[in-house]
Amino acid sequence: MTAEPIEVFGALAEPSRMRIVTLLRRGPLNVGEIAGALELRQPQASKHLKILQEAGLVEAEAEANRRHYRLKPESFRALDAWLDDYRQLWSGRFDRLDEYLPQMQTKIQPKSEEE
């Protein structure tokens, strides 16, 4: 990941930027297409794209007088790898919880009325 995870999460925390990322999953678009699809003014869309680019999530490719923005898959793979450590941590904790709960249930089962 080119940016630190905190910068990536900061960039994605803004709803319009998250919507841009979702929109770019379909393929490259220019700023006008992004602004139109998300009902943003072009300067707003450009500002959001700049932040996403600085966070390493998108890149621009110049074509004539337009710039087409697309997602950088390697950045998302790096983010996924970073998150994997936390997935493994929580998965292990949930596995231990699955083992612990049946033990607790046998300890707190109500006594039958015959006793």
PDB file of N, CA and C in Angstrom:
ATOM      1  N   MET A   1       0.852  -1.156   0.000  1.00  0.00           N
ATOM      2  CA  MET A   1       0.000   0.000   0.000  1.00  0.00           C
ATOM      3  C   MET A   1       0.906   1.230   0.000  1.00  0.00           C
ATOM      4  N   THR A   2       0.648   2.159  -0.871  1.00  0.00           N
ATOM      5  CA  THR A   2       1.513   3.331  -0.934  1.00  0.00           C
ATOM      6  C   THR A   2       1.281   4.266   0.238  1.00  0.00           C
ATOM      7  N   ALA A   3       0.049   4.370   0.698  1.00  0.00           N
ATOM      8  CA  ALA A   3      -0.266   5.220   1.838  1.00  0.00           C
ATOM      9  C   ALA A   3      -0.399   4.354   3.085  1.00  0.00           C
ATOM     10  N   GLU A   4      -0.310   4.990   4.227  1.00  0.00           N
ATOM     11  CA  GLU A   4      -0.509   4.291   5.486  1.00  0.00           C
ATOM     12  C   GLU A   4      -1.985   3.918   5.610  1.00  0.00           C
ATOM     13  N   PRO A   5      -2.277   2.810   6.303  1.00  0.00           N
ATOM     14  CA  PRO A   5      -3.680   2.410   6.453  1.00  0.00           C
ATOM     15  C   PRO A   5      -4.571   3.525   7.005  1.00  0.00           C
ATOM     16  N   ILE A   6      -4.056   4.324   7.922  1.00  0.00           N
ATOM     17  CA  ILE A   6      -4.872   5.404   8.493  1.00  0.00           C
ATOM     18  C   ILE A   6      -5.278   6.404   7.406  1.00  0.00           C
ATOM     19  N   GLU A   7      -4.385   6.668   6.455  1.00  0.00           N
ATOM     20  CA  GLU A   7      -4.708   7.579   5.357  1.00  0.00           C
ATOM     21  C   GLU A   7      -5.746   6.961   4.431  1.00  0.00           C
ATOM     22  N   VAL A   8      -5.618   5.668   4.178  1.00  0.00           N
ATOM     23  CA  VAL A   8      -6.574   4.964   3.315  1.00  0.00           C
ATOM     24  C   VAL A   8      -7.949   4.981   3.955  1.00  0.00           C
ATOM     25  N   PHE A   9      -8.026   4.629   5.245  1.00  0.00           N
ATOM     26  CA  PHE A   9      -9.313   4.622   5.920  1.00  0.00           C
ATOM     27  C   PHE A   9      -9.884   6.033   6.013  1.00  0.00           C
ATOM     28  N   GLY A  10      -9.025   7.014   6.209  1.00  0.00           N
ATOM     29  CA  GLY A  10      -9.482   8.403   6.234  1.00  0.00           C
ATOM     30  C   GLY A  10     -10.085   8.814   4.899  1.00  0.00           C
ATOM     31  N   ALA A  11      -9.447   8.391   3.823  1.00  0.00           N
ATOM     32  CA  ALA A  11      -9.964   8.713   2.489  1.00  0.00           C
ATOM     33  C   ALA A  11     -11.298   8.027   2.249  1.00  0.00           C
ATOM     34  N   LEU A  12     -11.430   6.789   2.680  1.00  0.00           N
ATOM     35  CA  LEU A  12     -12.654   6.025   2.444  1.00  0.00           C
ATOM     36  C   LEU A  12     -13.784   6.384   3.403  1.00  0.00           C
ATOM     37  N   ALA A  13     -13.460   7.084   4.487  1.00  0.00           N
ATOM     38  CA  ALA A  13     -14.479   7.416   5.486  1.00  0.00           C
ATOM     39  C   ALA A  13     -15.496   8.431   4.973  1.00  0.00           C
ATOM     40  N   GLU A  14     -15.130   9.216   3.995  1.00  0.00           N
ATOM     41  CA  GLU A  14     -16.049  10.225   3.468  1.00  0.00           C
ATOM     42  C   GLU A  14     -17.010   9.544   2.496  1.00  0.00           C
ATOM     43  N   PRO A  15     -18.304   9.662   2.690  1.00  0.00           N
ATOM     44  CA  PRO A  15     -19.278   8.938   1.866  1.00  0.00           C
ATOM     45  C   PRO A  15     -19.152   9.157   0.357  1.00  0.00           C
ATOM     46  N   SER A  16     -18.867  10.365  -0.075  1.00  0.00           N
ATOM     47  CA  SER A  16     -18.741  10.604  -1.522  1.00  0.00           C
ATOM     48  C   SER A  16     -17.550   9.859  -2.105  1.00  0.00           C
ATOM     49  N   ARG A  17     -16.457   9.785  -1.344  1.00  0.00           N
ATOM     50  CA  ARG A  17     -15.287   9.056  -1.842  1.00  0.00           C
ATOM     51  C   ARG A  17     -15.556   7.559  -1.886  1.00  0.00           C
ATOM     52  N   MET A  18     -16.284   7.060  -0.906  1.00  0.00           N
ATOM     53  CA  MET A  18     -16.639   5.649  -0.923  1.00  0.00           C
ATOM     54  C   MET A  18     -17.544   5.365  -2.123  1.00  0.00           C
ATOM     55  N   ARG A  19     -18.439   6.269  -2.432  1.00  0.00           N
ATOM     56  CA  ARG A  19     -19.312   6.100  -3.599  1.00  0.00           C
ATOM     57  C   ARG A  19     -18.504   6.134  -4.888  1.00  0.00           C
ATOM     58  N   ILE A  20     -17.471   6.963  -4.940  1.00  0.00           N
ATOM     59  CA  ILE A  20     -16.602   7.016  -6.126  1.00  0.00           C
ATOM     60  C   ILE A  20     -15.898   5.677  -6.302  1.00  0.00           C
ATOM     61  N   VAL A  21     -15.372   5.126  -5.216  1.00  0.00           N
ATOM     62  CA  VAL A  21     -14.695   3.828  -5.290  1.00  0.00           C
ATOM     63  C   VAL A  21     -15.671   2.762  -5.777  1.00  0.00           C
ATOM     64  N   THR A  22     -16.859   2.768  -5.245  1.00  0.00           N
ATOM     65  CA  THR A  22     -17.877   1.806  -5.677  1.00  0.00           C
ATOM     66  C   THR A  22     -18.181   1.970  -7.157  1.00  0.00           C
ATOM     67  N   LEU A  23     -18.293   3.200  -7.606  1.00  0.00           N
ATOM     68  CA  LEU A  23     -18.566   3.483  -9.008  1.00  0.00           C
ATOM     69  C   LEU A  23     -17.416   3.020  -9.904  1.00  0.00           C
ATOM     70  N   LEU A  24     -16.187   3.235  -9.478  1.00  0.00           N
ATOM     71  CA  LEU A  24     -15.017   2.860 -10.283  1.00  0.00           C
ATOM     72  C   LEU A  24     -14.787   1.347 -10.331  1.00  0.00           C
ATOM     73  N   ARG A  25     -15.485   0.610  -9.498  1.00  0.00           N
ATOM     74  CA  ARG A  25     -15.368  -0.857  -9.570  1.00  0.00           C
ATOM     75  C   ARG A  25     -15.844  -1.370 -10.926  1.00  0.00           C
ATOM     76  N   ARG A  26     -16.714  -0.623 -11.576  1.00  0.00           N
ATOM     77  CA  ARG A  26     -17.236  -1.021 -12.895  1.00  0.00           C
ATOM     78  C   ARG A  26     -16.250  -0.744 -14.021  1.00  0.00           C
ATOM     79  N   GLY A  27     -15.301   0.150 -13.773  1.00  0.00           N
ATOM     80  CA  GLY A  27     -14.310   0.472 -14.794  1.00  0.00           C
ATOM     81  C   GLY A  27     -13.940   1.941 -14.763  1.00  0.00           C
ATOM     82  N   PRO A  28     -12.946   2.331 -15.569  1.00  0.00           N
ATOM     83  CA  PRO A  28     -12.454   3.719 -15.576  1.00  0.00           C
ATOM     84  C   PRO A  28     -13.522   4.713 -16.025  1.00  0.00           C
ATOM     85  N   LEU A  29     -13.473   5.893 -15.412  1.00  0.00           N
ATOM     86  CA  LEU A  29     -14.377   6.992 -15.758  1.00  0.00           C
ATOM     87  C   LEU A  29     -13.617   8.304 -15.669  1.00  0.00           C
ATOM     88  N   ASN A  30     -14.082   9.303 -16.415  1.00  0.00           N
ATOM     89  CA  ASN A  30     -13.479  10.625 -16.265  1.00  0.00           C
ATOM     90  C   ASN A  30     -14.246  11.400 -15.194  1.00  0.00           C
ATOM     91  N   VAL A  31     -13.694  12.516 -14.793  1.00  0.00           N
ATOM     92  CA  VAL A  31     -14.267  13.268 -13.676  1.00  0.00           C
ATOM     93  C   VAL A  31     -15.691  13.728 -13.977  1.00  0.00           C
ATOM     94  N   GLY A  32     -15.973  14.082 -15.211  1.00  0.00           N
ATOM     95  CA  GLY A  32     -17.322  14.505 -15.577  1.00  0.00           C
ATOM     96  C   GLY A  32     -18.326  13.375 -15.428  1.00  0.00           C
ATOM     97  N   GLU A  33     -17.931  12.183 -15.818  1.00  0.00           N
ATOM     98  CA  GLU A  33     -18.816  11.025 -15.684  1.00  0.00           C
ATOM     99  C   GLU A  33     -19.067  10.696 -14.208  1.00  0.00           C
ATOM    100  N   ILE A  34     -18.028  10.814 -13.411  1.00  0.00           N
ATOM    101  CA  ILE A  34     -18.159  10.551 -11.974  1.00  0.00           C
ATOM    102  C   ILE A  34     -19.064  11.595 -11.333  1.00  0.00           C
ATOM    103  N   ALA A  35     -18.820  12.855 -11.648  1.00  0.00           N
ATOM    104  CA  ALA A  35     -19.633  13.940 -11.094  1.00  0.00           C
ATOM    105  C   ALA A  35     -21.097  13.767 -11.481  1.00  0.00           C
ATOM    106  N   GLY A  36     -21.355  13.435 -12.727  1.00  0.00           N
ATOM    107  CA  GLY A  36     -22.726  13.246 -13.185  1.00  0.00           C
ATOM    108  C   GLY A  36     -23.413  12.073 -12.513  1.00  0.00           C
ATOM    109  N   ALA A  37     -22.719  10.964 -12.410  1.00  0.00           N
ATOM    110  CA  ALA A  37     -23.308   9.766 -11.812  1.00  0.00           C
ATOM    111  C   ALA A  37     -23.626   9.957 -10.332  1.00  0.00           C
ATOM    112  N   LEU A  38     -22.810  10.739  -9.645  1.00  0.00           N
ATOM    113  CA  LEU A  38     -22.987  10.926  -8.206  1.00  0.00           C
ATOM    114  C   LEU A  38     -23.643  12.255  -7.850  1.00  0.00           C
ATOM    115  N   GLU A  39     -24.047  13.002  -8.879  1.00  0.00           N
ATOM    116  CA  GLU A  39     -24.687  14.305  -8.693  1.00  0.00           C
ATOM    117  C   GLU A  39     -23.835  15.245  -7.843  1.00  0.00           C
ATOM    118  N   LEU A  40     -22.563  15.308  -8.193  1.00  0.00           N
ATOM    119  CA  LEU A  40     -21.613  16.231  -7.566  1.00  0.00           C
ATOM    120  C   LEU A  40     -21.227  17.295  -8.581  1.00  0.00           C
ATOM    121  N   ARG A  41     -20.767  18.426  -8.086  1.00  0.00           N
ATOM    122  CA  ARG A  41     -20.179  19.406  -9.000  1.00  0.00           C
ATOM    123  C   ARG A  41     -18.789  18.894  -9.372  1.00  0.00           C
ATOM    124  N   GLN A  42     -18.340  19.241 -10.565  1.00  0.00           N
ATOM    125  CA  GLN A  42     -17.058  18.727 -11.042  1.00  0.00           C
ATOM    126  C   GLN A  42     -15.901  19.097 -10.109  1.00  0.00           C
ATOM    127  N   PRO A  43     -15.831  20.331  -9.572  1.00  0.00           N
ATOM    128  CA  PRO A  43     -14.735  20.630  -8.638  1.00  0.00           C
ATOM    129  C   PRO A  43     -14.752  19.746  -7.386  1.00  0.00           C
ATOM    130  N   GLN A  44     -15.960  19.417  -6.898  1.00  0.00           N
ATOM    131  CA  GLN A  44     -16.053  18.523  -5.738  1.00  0.00           C
ATOM    132  C   GLN A  44     -15.521  17.138  -6.087  1.00  0.00           C
ATOM    133  N   ALA A  45     -15.939  16.623  -7.237  1.00  0.00           N
ATOM    134  CA  ALA A  45     -15.486  15.299  -7.672  1.00  0.00           C
ATOM    135  C   ALA A  45     -13.971  15.293  -7.836  1.00  0.00           C
ATOM    136  N   SER A  46     -13.431  16.355  -8.412  1.00  0.00           N
ATOM    137  CA  SER A  46     -11.974  16.444  -8.592  1.00  0.00           C
ATOM    138  C   SER A  46     -11.246  16.434  -7.259  1.00  0.00           C
ATOM    139  N   LYS A  47     -11.790  17.144  -6.283  1.00  0.00           N
ATOM    140  CA  LYS A  47     -11.167  17.195  -4.956  1.00  0.00           C
ATOM    141  C   LYS A  47     -11.170  15.800  -4.322  1.00  0.00           C
ATOM    142  N   HIS A  48     -12.294  15.112  -4.412  1.00  0.00           N
ATOM    143  CA  HIS A  48     -12.369  13.761  -3.850  1.00  0.00           C
ATOM    144  C   HIS A  48     -11.410  12.812  -4.569  1.00  0.00           C
ATOM    145  N   LEU A  49     -11.326  12.925  -5.873  1.00  0.00           N
ATOM    146  CA  LEU A  49     -10.418  12.071  -6.646  1.00  0.00           C
ATOM    147  C   LEU A  49      -8.962  12.328  -6.272  1.00  0.00           C
ATOM    148  N   LYS A  50      -8.643  13.577  -6.009  1.00  0.00           N
ATOM    149  CA  LYS A  50      -7.270  13.913  -5.607  1.00  0.00           C
ATOM    150  C   LYS A  50      -6.927  13.233  -4.274  1.00  0.00           C
ATOM    151  N   ILE A  51      -7.857  13.257  -3.345  1.00  0.00           N
ATOM    152  CA  ILE A  51      -7.622  12.628  -2.042  1.00  0.00           C
ATOM    153  C   ILE A  51      -7.481  11.115  -2.201  1.00  0.00           C
ATOM    154  N   LEU A  52      -8.336  10.521  -3.034  1.00  0.00           N
ATOM    155  CA  LEU A  52      -8.233   9.074  -3.281  1.00  0.00           C
ATOM    156  C   LEU A  52      -6.917   8.726  -3.968  1.00  0.00           C
ATOM    157  N   GLN A  53      -6.462   9.612  -4.846  1.00  0.00           N
ATOM    158  CA  GLN A  53      -5.194   9.392  -5.541  1.00  0.00           C
ATOM    159  C   GLN A  53      -4.026   9.507  -4.556  1.00  0.00           C
ATOM    160  N   GLU A  54      -4.070  10.485  -3.674  1.00  0.00           N
ATOM    161  CA  GLU A  54      -3.008  10.650  -2.674  1.00  0.00           C
ATOM    162  C   GLU A  54      -2.956   9.463  -1.713  1.00  0.00           C
ATOM    163  N   ALA A  55      -4.106   8.849  -1.463  1.00  0.00           N
ATOM    164  CA  ALA A  55      -4.160   7.676  -0.594  1.00  0.00           C
ATOM    165  C   ALA A  55      -3.748   6.406  -1.339  1.00  0.00           C
ATOM    166  N   GLY A  56      -3.499   6.525  -2.637  1.00  0.00           N
ATOM    167  CA  GLY A  56      -3.042   5.387  -3.427  1.00  0.00           C
ATOM    168  C   GLY A  56      -4.142   4.457  -3.892  1.00  0.00           C
ATOM    169  N   LEU A  57      -5.383   4.913  -3.817  1.00  0.00           N
ATOM    170  CA  LEU A  57      -6.504   4.046  -4.179  1.00  0.00           C
ATOM    171  C   LEU A  57      -6.920   4.150  -5.639  1.00  0.00           C
ATOM    172  N   VAL A  58      -6.658   5.289  -6.260  1.00  0.00           N
ATOM    173  CA  VAL A  58      -6.984   5.461  -7.679  1.00  0.00           C
ATOM    174  C   VAL A  58      -5.780   6.037  -8.401  1.00  0.00           C
ATOM    175  N   GLU A  59      -5.799   5.856  -9.705  1.00  0.00           N
ATOM    176  CA  GLU A  59      -4.773   6.477 -10.536  1.00  0.00           C
ATOM    177  C   GLU A  59      -5.466   7.036 -11.766  1.00  0.00           C
ATOM    178  N   ALA A  60      -4.822   8.029 -12.370  1.00  0.00           N
ATOM    179  CA  ALA A  60      -5.397   8.676 -13.542  1.00  0.00           C
ATOM    180  C   ALA A  60      -4.533   8.394 -14.753  1.00  0.00           C
ATOM    181  N   GLU A  61      -5.201   8.218 -15.867  1.00  0.00           N
ATOM    182  CA  GLU A  61      -4.512   8.012 -17.139  1.00  0.00           C
ATOM    183  C   GLU A  61      -5.014   9.086 -18.104  1.00  0.00           C
ATOM    184  N   ALA A  62      -4.082   9.846 -18.650  1.00  0.00           N
ATOM    185  CA  ALA A  62      -4.449  10.924 -19.571  1.00  0.00           C
ATOM    186  C   ALA A  62      -4.775  10.343 -20.941  1.00  0.00           C
ATOM    187  N   GLU A  63      -5.882  10.822 -21.494  1.00  0.00           N
ATOM    188  CA  GLU A  63      -6.287  10.441 -22.847  1.00  0.00           C
ATOM    189  C   GLU A  63      -6.814  11.706 -23.514  1.00  0.00           C
ATOM    190  N   ALA A  64      -6.043  12.232 -24.449  1.00  0.00           N
ATOM    191  CA  ALA A  64      -6.356  13.515 -25.097  1.00  0.00           C
ATOM    192  C   ALA A  64      -6.446  14.580 -24.003  1.00  0.00           C
ATOM    193  N   ASN A  65      -7.583  15.263 -23.891  1.00  0.00           N
ATOM    194  CA  ASN A  65      -7.699  16.323 -22.885  1.00  0.00           C
ATOM    195  C   ASN A  65      -8.463  15.853 -21.645  1.00  0.00           C
ATOM    196  N   ARG A  66      -8.643  14.552 -21.502  1.00  0.00           N
ATOM    197  CA  ARG A  66      -9.359  14.002 -20.344  1.00  0.00           C
ATOM    198  C   ARG A  66      -8.465  13.055 -19.571  1.00  0.00           C
ATOM    199  N   ARG A  67      -8.793  12.933 -18.301  1.00  0.00           N
ATOM    200  CA  ARG A  67      -8.097  11.985 -17.440  1.00  0.00           C
ATOM    201  C   ARG A  67      -9.116  10.941 -16.994  1.00  0.00           C
ATOM    202  N   HIS A  68      -8.797   9.706 -17.227  1.00  0.00           N
ATOM    203  CA  HIS A  68      -9.663   8.606 -16.806  1.00  0.00           C
ATOM    204  C   HIS A  68      -9.112   8.039 -15.507  1.00  0.00           C
ATOM    205  N   TYR A  69      -9.984   7.937 -14.534  1.00  0.00           N
ATOM    206  CA  TYR A  69      -9.602   7.426 -13.219  1.00  0.00           C
ATOM    207  C   TYR A  69     -10.010   5.971 -13.106  1.00  0.00           C
ATOM    208  N   ARG A  70      -9.136   5.197 -12.462  1.00  0.00           N
ATOM    209  CA  ARG A  70      -9.443   3.797 -12.225  1.00  0.00           C
ATOM    210  C   ARG A  70      -8.867   3.400 -10.884  1.00  0.00           C
ATOM    211  N   LEU A  71      -9.407   2.329 -10.337  1.00  0.00           N
ATOM    212  CA  LEU A  71      -8.914   1.824  -9.064  1.00  0.00           C
ATOM    213  C   LEU A  71      -7.547   1.180  -9.250  1.00  0.00           C
ATOM    214  N   LYS A  72      -6.743   1.230  -8.211  1.00  0.00           N
ATOM    215  CA  LYS A  72      -5.445   0.557  -8.209  1.00  0.00           C
ATOM    216  C   LYS A  72      -5.608  -0.747  -7.435  1.00  0.00           C
ATOM    217  N   PRO A  73      -5.764  -1.854  -8.151  1.00  0.00           N
ATOM    218  CA  PRO A  73      -6.014  -3.132  -7.458  1.00  0.00           C
ATOM    219  C   PRO A  73      -4.936  -3.490  -6.436  1.00  0.00           C
ATOM    220  N   GLU A  74      -3.691  -3.143  -6.730  1.00  0.00           N
ATOM    221  CA  GLU A  74      -2.615  -3.503  -5.800  1.00  0.00           C
ATOM    222  C   GLU A  74      -2.802  -2.825  -4.442  1.00  0.00           C
ATOM    223  N   SER A  75      -3.380  -1.634  -4.434  1.00  0.00           N
ATOM    224  CA  SER A  75      -3.637  -0.951  -3.158  1.00  0.00           C
ATOM    225  C   SER A  75      -4.689  -1.685  -2.348  1.00  0.00           C
ATOM    226  N   PHE A  76      -5.701  -2.191  -3.026  1.00  0.00           N
ATOM    227  CA  PHE A  76      -6.745  -2.929  -2.325  1.00  0.00           C
ATOM    228  C   PHE A  76      -6.250  -4.298  -1.864  1.00  0.00           C
ATOM    229  N   ARG A  77      -5.358  -4.897  -2.632  1.00  0.00           N
ATOM    230  CA  ARG A  77      -4.751  -6.160  -2.188  1.00  0.00           C
ATOM    231  C   ARG A  77      -3.895  -5.922  -0.945  1.00  0.00           C
ATOM    232  N   ALA A  78      -3.156  -4.827  -0.925  1.00  0.00           N
ATOM    233  CA  ALA A  78      -2.329  -4.503   0.233  1.00  0.00           C
ATOM    234  C   ALA A  78      -3.200  -4.219   1.459  1.00  0.00           C
ATOM    235  N   LEU A  79      -4.301  -3.523   1.247  1.00  0.00           N
ATOM    236  CA  LEU A  79      -5.226  -3.243   2.344  1.00  0.00           C
ATOM    237  C   LEU A  79      -5.829  -4.550   2.866  1.00  0.00           C
ATOM    238  N   ASP A  80      -6.178  -5.442   1.968  1.00  0.00           N
ATOM    239  CA  ASP A  80      -6.721  -6.744   2.353  1.00  0.00           C
ATOM    240  C   ASP A  80      -5.700  -7.539   3.168  1.00  0.00           C
ATOM    241  N   ALA A  81      -4.440  -7.503   2.752  1.00  0.00           N
ATOM    242  CA  ALA A  81      -3.384  -8.214   3.496  1.00  0.00           C
ATOM    243  C   ALA A  81      -3.218  -7.625   4.888  1.00  0.00           C
ATOM    244  N   TRP A  82      -3.284  -6.311   4.990  1.00  0.00           N
ATOM    245  CA  TRP A  82      -3.173  -5.640   6.288  1.00  0.00           C
ATOM    246  C   TRP A  82      -4.341  -6.060   7.182  1.00  0.00           C
ATOM    247  N   LEU A  83      -5.541  -6.111   6.620  1.00  0.00           N
ATOM    248  CA  LEU A  83      -6.726  -6.485   7.384  1.00  0.00           C
ATOM    249  C   LEU A  83      -6.729  -7.969   7.756  1.00  0.00           C
ATOM    250  N   ASP A  84      -6.017  -8.773   6.992  1.00  0.00           N
ATOM    251  CA  ASP A  84      -6.001 -10.209   7.235  1.00  0.00           C
ATOM    252  C   ASP A  84      -5.494 -10.552   8.635  1.00  0.00           C
ATOM    253  N   ASP A  85      -4.518  -9.803   9.127  1.00  0.00           N
ATOM    254  CA  ASP A  85      -4.024 -10.040  10.492  1.00  0.00           C
ATOM    255  C   ASP A  85      -5.165  -9.925  11.504  1.00  0.00           C
ATOM    256  N   TYR A  86      -6.023  -8.943  11.307  1.00  0.00           N
ATOM    257  CA  TYR A  86      -7.137  -8.739  12.227  1.00  0.00           C
ATOM    258  C   TYR A  86      -8.213  -9.803  12.037  1.00  0.00           C
ATOM    259  N   ARG A  87      -8.417 -10.224  10.797  1.00  0.00           N
ATOM    260  CA  ARG A  87      -9.367 -11.314  10.528  1.00  0.00           C
ATOM    261  C   ARG A  87      -8.930 -12.580  11.260  1.00  0.00           C
ATOM    262  N   GLN A  88      -7.650 -12.891  11.186  1.00  0.00           N
ATOM    263  CA  GLN A  88      -7.135 -14.085  11.844  1.00  0.00           C
ATOM    264  C   GLN A  88      -7.277 -13.982  13.360  1.00  0.00           C
ATOM    265  N   LEU A  89      -6.979 -12.818  13.898  1.00  0.00           N
ATOM    266  CA  LEU A  89      -7.106 -12.591  15.338  1.00  0.00           C
ATOM    267  C   LEU A  89      -8.540 -12.839  15.787  1.00  0.00           C
ATOM    268  N   TRP A  90      -9.495 -12.223  15.105  1.00  0.00           N
ATOM    269  CA  TRP A  90     -10.900 -12.359  15.507  1.00  0.00           C
ATOM    270  C   TRP A  90     -11.434 -13.757  15.226  1.00  0.00           C
ATOM    271  N   SER A  91     -10.982 -14.370  14.170  1.00  0.00           N
ATOM    272  CA  SER A  91     -11.411 -15.727  13.870  1.00  0.00           C
ATOM    273  C   SER A  91     -10.994 -16.669  14.995  1.00  0.00           C
ATOM    274  N   GLY A  92      -9.762 -16.518  15.470  1.00  0.00           N
ATOM    275  CA  GLY A  92      -9.280 -17.330  16.587  1.00  0.00           C
ATOM    276  C   GLY A  92     -10.083 -17.082  17.848  1.00  0.00           C
ATOM    277  N   ARG A  93     -10.430 -15.835  18.100  1.00  0.00           N
ATOM    278  CA  ARG A  93     -11.225 -15.526  19.294  1.00  0.00           C
ATOM    279  C   ARG A  93     -12.628 -16.108  19.188  1.00  0.00           C
ATOM    280  N   PHE A  94     -13.222 -16.048  18.010  1.00  0.00           N
ATOM    281  CA  PHE A  94     -14.550 -16.621  17.832  1.00  0.00           C
ATOM    282  C   PHE A  94     -14.511 -18.144  17.956  1.00  0.00           C
ATOM    283  N   ASP A  95     -13.436 -18.761  17.471  1.00  0.00           N
ATOM    284  CA  ASP A  95     -13.294 -20.214  17.619  1.00  0.00           C
ATOM    285  C   ASP A  95     -13.245 -20.594  19.093  1.00  0.00           C
ATOM    286  N   ARG A  96     -12.480 -19.831  19.873  1.00  0.00           N
ATOM    287  CA  ARG A  96     -12.390 -20.113  21.306  1.00  0.00           C
ATOM    288  C   ARG A  96     -13.735 -19.877  21.993  1.00  0.00           C
ATOM    289  N   LEU A  97     -14.468 -18.868  21.535  1.00  0.00           N
ATOM    290  CA  LEU A  97     -15.788 -18.603  22.099  1.00  0.00           C
ATOM    291  C   LEU A  97     -16.736 -19.758  21.792  1.00  0.00           C
ATOM    292  N   ASP A  98     -16.649 -20.302  20.574  1.00  0.00           N
ATOM    293  CA  ASP A  98     -17.473 -21.456  20.209  1.00  0.00           C
ATOM    294  C   ASP A  98     -17.187 -22.650  21.135  1.00  0.00           C
ATOM    295  N   GLU A  99     -15.953 -22.794  21.576  1.00  0.00           N
ATOM    296  CA  GLU A  99     -15.603 -23.880  22.482  1.00  0.00           C
ATOM    297  C   GLU A  99     -16.067 -23.592  23.909  1.00  0.00           C
ATOM    298  N   TYR A 100     -16.047 -22.338  24.288  1.00  0.00           N
ATOM    299  CA  TYR A 100     -16.368 -21.936  25.658  1.00  0.00           C
ATOM    300  C   TYR A 100     -17.873 -21.936  25.937  1.00  0.00           C
ATOM    301  N   LEU A 101     -18.668 -21.521  24.983  1.00  0.00           N
ATOM    302  CA  LEU A 101     -20.108 -21.398  25.216  1.00  0.00           C
ATOM    303  C   LEU A 101     -20.776 -22.710  25.618  1.00  0.00           C
ATOM    304  N   PRO A 102     -20.490 -23.835  24.949  1.00  0.00           N
ATOM    305  CA  PRO A 102     -21.122 -25.092  25.399  1.00  0.00           C
ATOM    306  C   PRO A 102     -20.743 -25.452  26.841  1.00  0.00           C
ATOM    307  N   GLN A 103     -19.520 -25.151  27.245  1.00  0.00           N
ATOM    308  CA  GLN A 103     -19.102 -25.412  28.622  1.00  0.00           C
ATOM    309  C   GLN A 103     -19.935 -24.579  29.594  1.00  0.00           C
ATOM    310  N   MET A 104     -20.156 -23.335  29.245  1.00  0.00           N
ATOM    311  CA  MET A 104     -20.941 -22.449  30.108  1.00  0.00           C
ATOM    312  C   MET A 104     -22.401 -22.886  30.154  1.00  0.00           C
ATOM    313  N   GLN A 105     -22.924 -23.348  29.039  1.00  0.00           N
ATOM    314  CA  GLN A 105     -24.326 -23.762  29.007  1.00  0.00           C
ATOM    315  C   GLN A 105     -24.565 -24.972  29.905  1.00  0.00           C
ATOM    316  N   THR A 106     -23.607 -25.895  29.960  1.00  0.00           N
ATOM    317  CA  THR A 106     -23.786 -27.056  30.831  1.00  0.00           C
ATOM    318  C   THR A 106     -23.715 -26.646  32.299  1.00  0.00           C
ATOM    319  N   LYS A 107     -22.975 -25.622  32.618  1.00  0.00           N
ATOM    320  CA  LYS A 107     -22.856 -25.164  34.007  1.00  0.00           C
ATOM    321  C   LYS A 107     -24.104 -24.424  34.479  1.00  0.00           C
ATOM    322  N   ILE A 108     -24.815 -23.783  33.573  1.00  0.00           N
ATOM    323  CA  ILE A 108     -25.956 -22.962  34.005  1.00  0.00           C
ATOM    324  C   ILE A 108     -27.310 -23.547  33.610  1.00  0.00           C
ATOM    325  N   GLN A 109     -27.349 -24.781  33.186  1.00  0.00           N
ATOM    326  CA  GLN A 109     -28.630 -25.401  32.849  1.00  0.00           C
ATOM    327  C   GLN A 109     -29.496 -25.478  34.115  1.00  0.00           C
ATOM    328  N   PRO A 110     -30.781 -25.122  33.970  1.00  0.00           N
ATOM    329  CA  PRO A 110     -31.641 -25.140  35.163  1.00  0.00           C
ATOM    330  C   PRO A 110     -31.841 -26.558  35.673  1.00  0.00           C
ATOM    331  N   LYS A 111     -31.982 -26.663  36.973  1.00  0.00           N
ATOM    332  CA  LYS A 111     -32.201 -27.976  37.578  1.00  0.00           C
ATOM    333  C   LYS A 111     -33.621 -28.418  37.263  1.00  0.00           C
ATOM    334  N   SER A 112     -33.804 -29.702  37.120  1.00  0.00           N
ATOM    335  CA  SER A 112     -35.126 -30.227  36.821  1.00  0.00           C
ATOM    336  C   SER A 112     -36.032 -30.043  38.034  1.00  0.00           C
ATOM    337  N   GLU A 113     -37.330 -30.089  37.820  1.00  0.00           N
ATOM    338  CA  GLU A 113     -38.297 -29.867  38.905  1.00  0.00           C
ATOM    339  C   GLU A 113     -38.291 -31.012  39.907  1.00  0.00           C
ATOM    340  N   GLU A 114     -37.839 -32.189  39.500  1.00  0.00           N
ATOM    341  CA  GLU A 114     -37.838 -33.352  40.385  1.00  0.00           C
ATOM    342  C   GLU A 114     -36.811 -33.206  41.502  1.00  0.00           C
ATOM    343  N   GLU A 115     -35.825 -32.394  41.348  1.00  0.00           N
ATOM    344  CA  GLU A 115     -34.758 -32.278  42.351  1.00  0.00           C
ATOM    345  C   GLU A 115     -35.144 -31.393  43.479  1.00  0.00           C
TER     346      GLU A 115
END
